[in-house]
Amino acid sequence: MPDEPGRAHRALAALRRTRPGTVGVVLVLVLAGGLFATSARTADGTDLRASGSDLRSQVVARERDVAQASARLARLQSDVDALGREVDDPQAQQLQAEQEDLSAPAGLDAVSGEGLVITLDDAPRAADGPAATGVSADTLIVHQQDLQAVVNALWAGGATAVGLQDQRIISTSAVRCVGNVLRLQGRLYAPPYTVRAVGDPAALRAAVDSSPAVQAYLADASRVGLGWQLSQQQVDVPGYDGPLQLAHATVPR
């Protein structure tokens, strides 16, 4: 009899290791009101973390610099908003009102509600751990397409807001890698990676369960010990606080 379970497992593993040439964007497009797939213009066939390079000390330094710059940006933006509200000009006041109306759909406002929290992590590398089975190092780490798969599934499940680590995902967000760490909107992170989504928990869970890319990750999680935790709970997703300028965009084929 053919080894059907083995064949299915190999197919899932191959799916996860495949580098997507184009992953579409599934995030909120405010003015059009559409959803696209999370951008894989960022993938370029690379892993989230390249083996053999340790950039943790650089990550700590960069995170400190970015945190200071972000705090200063938030203070300046608050000053700009306050000055804008003080302008005694009907046209300026109308524009200010329109900006406030678009703030929520643009992802600039914090969102709270029932939803899911999903955490992904690298497999343990101890000599006596589940990863010590002769599998390739490529299989033991969280790839950017794994995170993209989770985010895309949550959007497909009707999430009203999605966050990765401590940031909000919007239409211009991109999951990237630099060396052996995740780069998201100018900030660097090491695993574990936590994705939060506000929405109907049952619909979100169903979308995650039906995603072939997520199932490929779970197959490796069961085999080599990749981290996976999913829980239903009250979720807080912050508002986006980065730049809003879009440098360029292309329509996926």
Protein backbone atom coordinates (compact mmCIF):
# COMPACT_ATOMS: atom_id res chain seq x y z
CA MET A 1 0.00 0.00 0.00
CA PRO A 2 1.41 3.47 -0.86
CA ASP A 3 2.73 5.49 2.08
CA GLU A 4 -0.04 8.11 1.93
CA PRO A 5 0.72 9.79 5.33
CA GLY A 6 4.38 9.99 4.45
CA ARG A 7 3.62 11.43 1.03
CA ALA A 8 1.32 14.06 2.54
CA HIS A 9 3.95 15.02 5.11
CA ARG A 10 6.65 15.39 2.43
CA ALA A 11 4.31 17.55 0.35
CA LEU A 12 3.65 19.86 3.31
CA ALA A 13 7.35 20.08 4.15
CA ALA A 14 8.19 20.93 0.54
CA LEU A 15 5.51 23.63 0.55
CA ARG A 16 7.02 25.32 3.62
CA ARG A 17 10.59 25.24 2.27
CA THR A 18 9.53 26.71 -1.07
CA ARG A 19 10.46 30.38 -1.37
CA PRO A 20 7.45 32.25 -2.78
CA GLY A 21 8.35 34.43 -5.73
CA THR A 22 5.34 36.60 -5.16
CA VAL A 23 3.09 36.62 -2.13
CA GLY A 24 0.26 39.09 -2.58
CA VAL A 25 -0.69 41.76 -0.08
CA VAL A 26 -3.71 41.10 2.30
CA LEU A 27 -3.80 44.29 4.27
CA VAL A 28 -6.21 47.21 4.47
CA LEU A 29 -6.20 49.55 1.46
CA VAL A 30 -7.96 52.51 3.05
CA LEU A 31 -9.36 54.52 0.18
CA ALA A 32 -10.28 51.49 -1.91
CA GLY A 33 -11.44 49.56 1.13
CA GLY A 34 -9.93 46.34 -0.26
CA LEU A 35 -7.81 43.58 1.18
CA PHE A 36 -4.65 42.29 -0.43
CA ALA A 37 -2.23 39.56 0.58
CA THR A 38 0.63 40.46 2.93
CA SER A 39 3.42 41.74 0.72
CA ALA A 40 5.94 39.24 -0.50
CA ARG A 41 7.76 41.93 -2.41
CA THR A 42 9.79 41.61 0.74
CA ALA A 43 10.60 37.92 0.53
CA ASP A 44 13.10 37.80 -2.36
CA GLY A 45 13.62 34.11 -1.62
CA THR A 46 15.37 34.69 1.70
CA ASP A 47 15.01 33.25 5.18
CA LEU A 48 14.05 35.24 8.21
CA ARG A 49 17.25 34.19 9.91
CA ALA A 50 20.39 33.03 8.17
CA SER A 51 22.34 30.34 9.99
CA GLY A 52 25.83 31.11 11.20
CA SER A 53 25.42 34.82 11.93
CA ASP A 54 24.56 36.30 15.30
CA LEU A 55 23.35 39.89 15.19
CA ARG A 56 21.68 40.02 18.59
CA SER A 57 24.02 42.68 19.99
CA GLN A 58 23.42 44.84 16.93
CA VAL A 59 19.69 44.26 17.27
CA VAL A 60 19.72 45.53 20.86
CA ALA A 61 21.57 48.69 19.83
CA ARG A 62 19.29 49.29 16.86
CA GLU A 63 16.15 48.71 18.93
CA ARG A 64 17.34 51.33 21.43
CA ASP A 65 17.96 53.87 18.66
CA VAL A 66 14.64 53.14 16.98
CA ALA A 67 12.74 53.39 20.27
CA GLN A 68 14.21 56.82 20.94
CA ALA A 69 13.48 58.02 17.40
CA SER A 70 9.94 56.63 17.56
CA ALA A 71 9.25 58.41 20.84
CA ARG A 72 10.48 61.70 19.36
CA LEU A 73 8.36 61.14 16.24
CA ALA A 74 5.26 60.51 18.38
CA ARG A 75 5.84 63.75 20.30
CA LEU A 76 6.29 65.76 17.10
CA GLN A 77 3.22 64.18 15.49
CA SER A 78 1.18 65.04 18.57
CA ASP A 79 2.37 68.65 18.35
CA VAL A 80 1.45 68.79 14.66
CA ASP A 81 -2.03 67.41 15.34
CA ALA A 82 -2.60 69.90 18.16
CA LEU A 83 -1.51 72.83 16.00
CA GLY A 84 -3.74 71.60 13.18
CA ARG A 85 -6.80 71.66 15.42
CA GLU A 86 -6.04 75.25 16.40
CA VAL A 87 -6.06 76.55 12.83
CA ASP A 88 -9.03 78.90 12.36
CA ASP A 89 -9.71 78.05 8.73
CA PRO A 90 -12.86 76.20 7.55
CA GLN A 91 -11.01 74.38 4.78
CA ALA A 92 -8.23 73.27 7.14
CA GLN A 93 -10.79 72.16 9.71
CA GLN A 94 -12.60 70.12 7.06
CA LEU A 95 -9.37 68.41 6.06
CA GLN A 96 -8.63 67.71 9.72
CA ALA A 97 -12.07 66.12 10.13
CA GLU A 98 -11.53 63.96 7.03
CA GLN A 99 -8.17 62.85 8.40
CA GLU A 100 -9.76 61.82 11.69
CA ASP A 101 -12.46 59.86 9.80
CA LEU A 102 -9.79 57.94 7.88
CA SER A 103 -7.62 57.32 10.93
CA ALA A 104 -9.37 54.12 11.98
CA PRO A 105 -9.57 52.37 8.58
CA ALA A 106 -5.96 53.39 7.92
CA GLY A 107 -4.89 51.49 11.01
CA LEU A 108 -3.77 54.55 12.97
CA ASP A 109 -6.10 53.92 15.92
CA ALA A 110 -5.59 51.23 18.54
CA VAL A 111 -8.13 48.38 18.42
CA SER A 112 -9.25 46.02 21.18
CA GLY A 113 -11.58 43.04 21.15
CA GLU A 114 -11.90 39.27 21.09
CA GLY A 115 -9.49 37.50 18.83
CA LEU A 116 -6.50 35.17 18.54
CA VAL A 117 -2.88 35.34 19.66
CA ILE A 118 -0.43 33.09 17.78
CA THR A 119 3.24 32.66 18.67
CA LEU A 120 5.87 31.01 16.43
CA ASP A 121 9.39 30.11 17.53
CA ASP A 122 12.51 28.32 16.29
CA ALA A 123 12.98 24.66 17.19
CA PRO A 124 15.36 23.90 20.09
CA ARG A 125 18.92 23.10 19.06
CA ALA A 126 20.08 21.21 22.14
CA ALA A 127 21.91 17.96 21.39
CA ASP A 128 19.19 15.96 23.14
CA GLY A 129 16.29 18.08 21.88
CA PRO A 130 13.68 17.16 19.24
CA ALA A 131 15.69 19.01 16.60
CA ALA A 132 18.59 16.55 16.92
CA THR A 133 17.16 14.23 14.27
CA GLY A 134 19.41 14.88 11.30
CA VAL A 135 17.04 17.38 9.66
CA SER A 136 18.41 20.43 7.88
CA ALA A 137 18.96 23.68 9.77
CA ASP A 138 16.60 25.31 7.26
CA THR A 139 13.73 23.33 8.77
CA LEU A 140 14.44 24.40 12.34
CA ILE A 141 13.77 28.13 11.99
CA VAL A 142 10.75 30.35 11.46
CA HIS A 143 10.80 31.75 7.93
CA GLN A 144 9.24 35.00 6.80
CA GLN A 145 6.78 33.08 4.64
CA ASP A 146 5.56 31.33 7.81
CA LEU A 147 4.69 34.68 9.36
CA GLN A 148 3.16 35.87 6.10
CA ALA A 149 1.04 32.72 5.97
CA VAL A 150 -0.34 33.35 9.46
CA VAL A 151 -1.07 37.02 8.79
CA ASN A 152 -2.71 36.24 5.43
CA ALA A 153 -4.90 33.56 7.01
CA LEU A 154 -6.05 35.97 9.72
CA TRP A 155 -6.97 38.60 7.14
CA ALA A 156 -8.81 35.94 5.13
CA GLY A 157 -10.69 35.04 8.31
CA GLY A 158 -12.04 38.58 8.61
CA ALA A 159 -9.63 40.14 11.10
CA THR A 160 -10.34 43.83 11.68
CA ALA A 161 -6.82 44.53 12.98
CA VAL A 162 -3.58 42.53 12.94
CA GLY A 163 -0.36 43.19 14.83
CA LEU A 164 3.05 41.53 14.66
CA GLN A 165 5.26 41.86 17.74
CA ASP A 166 4.50 45.36 19.10
CA GLN A 167 3.47 46.90 15.77
CA ARG A 168 0.32 47.29 13.69
CA ILE A 169 0.25 45.77 10.20
CA ILE A 170 -1.12 48.14 7.53
CA SER A 171 -1.21 48.23 3.72
CA THR A 172 2.44 49.30 3.42
CA SER A 173 3.78 46.87 6.03
CA ALA A 174 6.34 44.29 4.93
CA VAL A 175 7.90 41.29 6.64
CA ARG A 176 11.62 41.32 5.82
CA CYS A 177 14.80 39.73 7.02
CA VAL A 178 18.20 41.24 7.74
CA GLY A 179 20.86 38.76 8.72
CA ASN A 180 19.27 36.44 11.27
CA VAL A 181 16.49 38.68 12.56
CA LEU A 182 13.07 39.91 11.52
CA ARG A 183 12.89 43.46 10.25
CA LEU A 184 9.49 45.11 10.43
CA GLN A 185 8.95 48.77 9.63
CA GLY A 186 12.43 49.81 10.66
CA ARG A 187 12.62 47.73 13.84
CA LEU A 188 14.47 44.45 14.39
CA TYR A 189 13.23 41.43 16.34
CA ALA A 190 14.48 37.98 17.31
CA PRO A 191 12.11 35.04 17.90
CA PRO A 192 9.67 34.18 19.31
CA TYR A 193 7.28 36.05 17.01
CA THR A 194 3.76 36.91 18.19
CA VAL A 195 0.86 37.74 15.88
CA ARG A 196 -2.32 39.26 17.33
CA ALA A 197 -5.64 39.61 15.51
CA VAL A 198 -8.97 41.15 16.50
CA GLY A 199 -11.99 39.45 14.98
CA ASP A 200 -14.42 36.57 15.33
CA PRO A 201 -12.28 33.86 16.99
CA ALA A 202 -14.09 30.96 15.31
CA ALA A 203 -13.73 32.45 11.83
CA LEU A 204 -10.09 33.33 12.44
CA ARG A 205 -9.28 29.83 13.70
CA ALA A 206 -11.06 28.23 10.73
CA ALA A 207 -9.04 30.35 8.30
CA VAL A 208 -5.78 29.43 10.02
CA ASP A 209 -6.69 25.73 10.02
CA SER A 210 -7.54 25.80 6.29
CA SER A 211 -4.31 27.51 5.18
CA PRO A 212 -1.99 25.05 3.36
CA ALA A 213 1.05 27.18 4.21
CA VAL A 214 0.17 27.19 7.92
CA GLN A 215 -0.39 23.42 7.81
CA ALA A 216 3.07 23.02 6.27
CA TYR A 217 4.55 24.89 9.22
CA LEU A 218 2.55 22.79 11.69
CA ALA A 219 3.78 19.59 10.06
CA ASP A 220 7.38 20.65 10.73
CA ALA A 221 6.38 21.88 14.20
CA SER A 222 5.15 18.39 15.04
CA ARG A 223 8.23 16.75 13.56
CA VAL A 224 11.12 18.90 14.84
CA GLY A 225 9.65 21.01 17.64
CA LEU A 226 9.05 24.41 16.01
CA GLY A 227 7.15 26.61 18.44
CA TRP A 228 3.40 27.10 17.92
CA GLN A 229 0.93 28.46 20.44
CA LEU A 230 -2.60 29.61 19.59
CA SER A 231 -5.00 31.05 22.13
CA GLN A 232 -8.32 32.86 22.08
CA GLN A 233 -8.37 35.93 24.29
CA GLN A 234 -8.98 39.65 24.57
CA VAL A 235 -6.55 41.25 22.13
CA ASP A 236 -5.06 44.75 22.06
CA VAL A 237 -3.54 45.86 18.74
CA PRO A 238 -1.77 49.26 18.75
CA GLY A 239 -2.28 51.93 16.15
CA TYR A 240 0.33 52.32 13.43
CA ASP A 241 2.81 55.06 14.31
CA GLY A 242 5.27 54.96 11.41
CA PRO A 243 5.56 56.89 8.12
CA LEU A 244 2.65 56.68 5.70
CA GLN A 245 4.39 57.59 2.46
CA LEU A 246 4.28 54.81 -0.15
CA ALA A 247 7.45 54.74 -2.26
CA HIS A 248 6.19 52.32 -4.91
CA ALA A 249 3.71 49.52 -5.47
CA THR A 250 2.95 46.88 -8.09
CA VAL A 251 -0.14 44.79 -8.78
CA PRO A 252 0.46 41.05 -8.22
CA ARG A 253 0.03 38.87 -11.29
